Structures are given as C-alpha cells and as structure tokens.
Amino acid sequence: MQTQPPHLPVENQINLNKSSASSPTAPALSLFNTQGRISRLTFLAWNGVVAIIVFILMAMVTFIAPSLIEVMFTYHDSWGLNLIALVINLGFICIYIMIAIKRLHDVNQSGWLALLILVPLLNLIFSLYLIFMPGTAGENKYGPSRSPLGWEVMLGWTMVVFMCFALLISLTAITQILAML
C-alpha cells in the first residue's frame, strides 16, 4: 500500500488506492445497457460501427442468397428475406436507441426522449440535436463524463467527413434533378 507524502495539503493529496468506491471515473462503455454518458464523437463513432456491421450483414444476405433476392423482387409474398432484413434493422434500431439514451444522458436529458427516433421526420431533427448539442461539463445526474477513446475520436471525425461528403453528393444530385425539370 502506498502512502501520500506528508508535505502535501489534504486537498492536494491523490487517493492511490484504485479500488476506492469514491473514485469519479466513468464506467466502461457497453452498447447493451443505458447507463452512463457518451460524447458527440463517441456517439458518431459507435453509430459508424453499428452502420458498418449492418452494412456487412445486409451485404452477406444479399451475396449469399442471390436467389432469395430474386424471389423477393419477383414474388411479393416472399417473407424469408424480408424477415432477415427486419431482424437486422430492428437490432440496429435497438442499439441506436441505447446509444441515443447515453447521448441524452450527456446533455442531462431523460433517456425517454430517445423514443423520438421512432417518429418519422422528427427523428432527423432529433439526430441533429444529438450530434450538435454539447454535453454537460463535468458530472451530472447521470454520472461523470467519459472521454472518448482514441479510435472513437478517429472514427467520429471520419463519420463527420463522411456525412459532409454524403450531404454534398445529395445536394448535387438534387440540383441536377431540379435542373432537368
């Protein structure tokens, strides 16, 4: 057991006992619970991770079962592939809601607001709120703030660049469509 040097005032002494329950460290991030807080970059990074996983799963379904894809577009009563896509997308929505709850906790809001994700058009505005609203500094009623990890910062900024690029492409496409009218 280490002891503090006696020459430091009490308020400047650091508790070197790592097992102390009074340590204000943020808990480790888990996608499968709603406890804790995440920053904007962590929110974007984990959305990127989940989107990549969903893309890979949907691509696997598409490439592994091309005959099912053909059946789905040929016959409207094909429910097998639709069921697979539904399960994948419901999983994505559940994880997105859990991530949104943690992001809402960072801005000191109730996690119940995450249900706005299920409201069409309002979910776009709500997602922008989650991306742009800064979190509460320091500790709030949902716990201490959690600093993003290095890979979360890199992937978060990559998602920002990707979203700007996607917006630019969308605006270009809309402009070209309007020019043809």
Foldseek 3Di string as FASTA:
>chain_A
DDDFPPVDDPVPTDDPPPPDPPDQAFDDDDLPAQAAAAWLLLLLLVLVVLVVVLVVQVVCCCVVCVVLVVCVVVDVPRCPVVVVNVVSVVVSLSSNLSSLSRLCVQQVHHSVVSCLCVPPPSVVVVVVCSNPPGGDQAADPRGGYHDDDPVSNVSSVVSVVVVVVVVVVVVVVVVVVVVVD
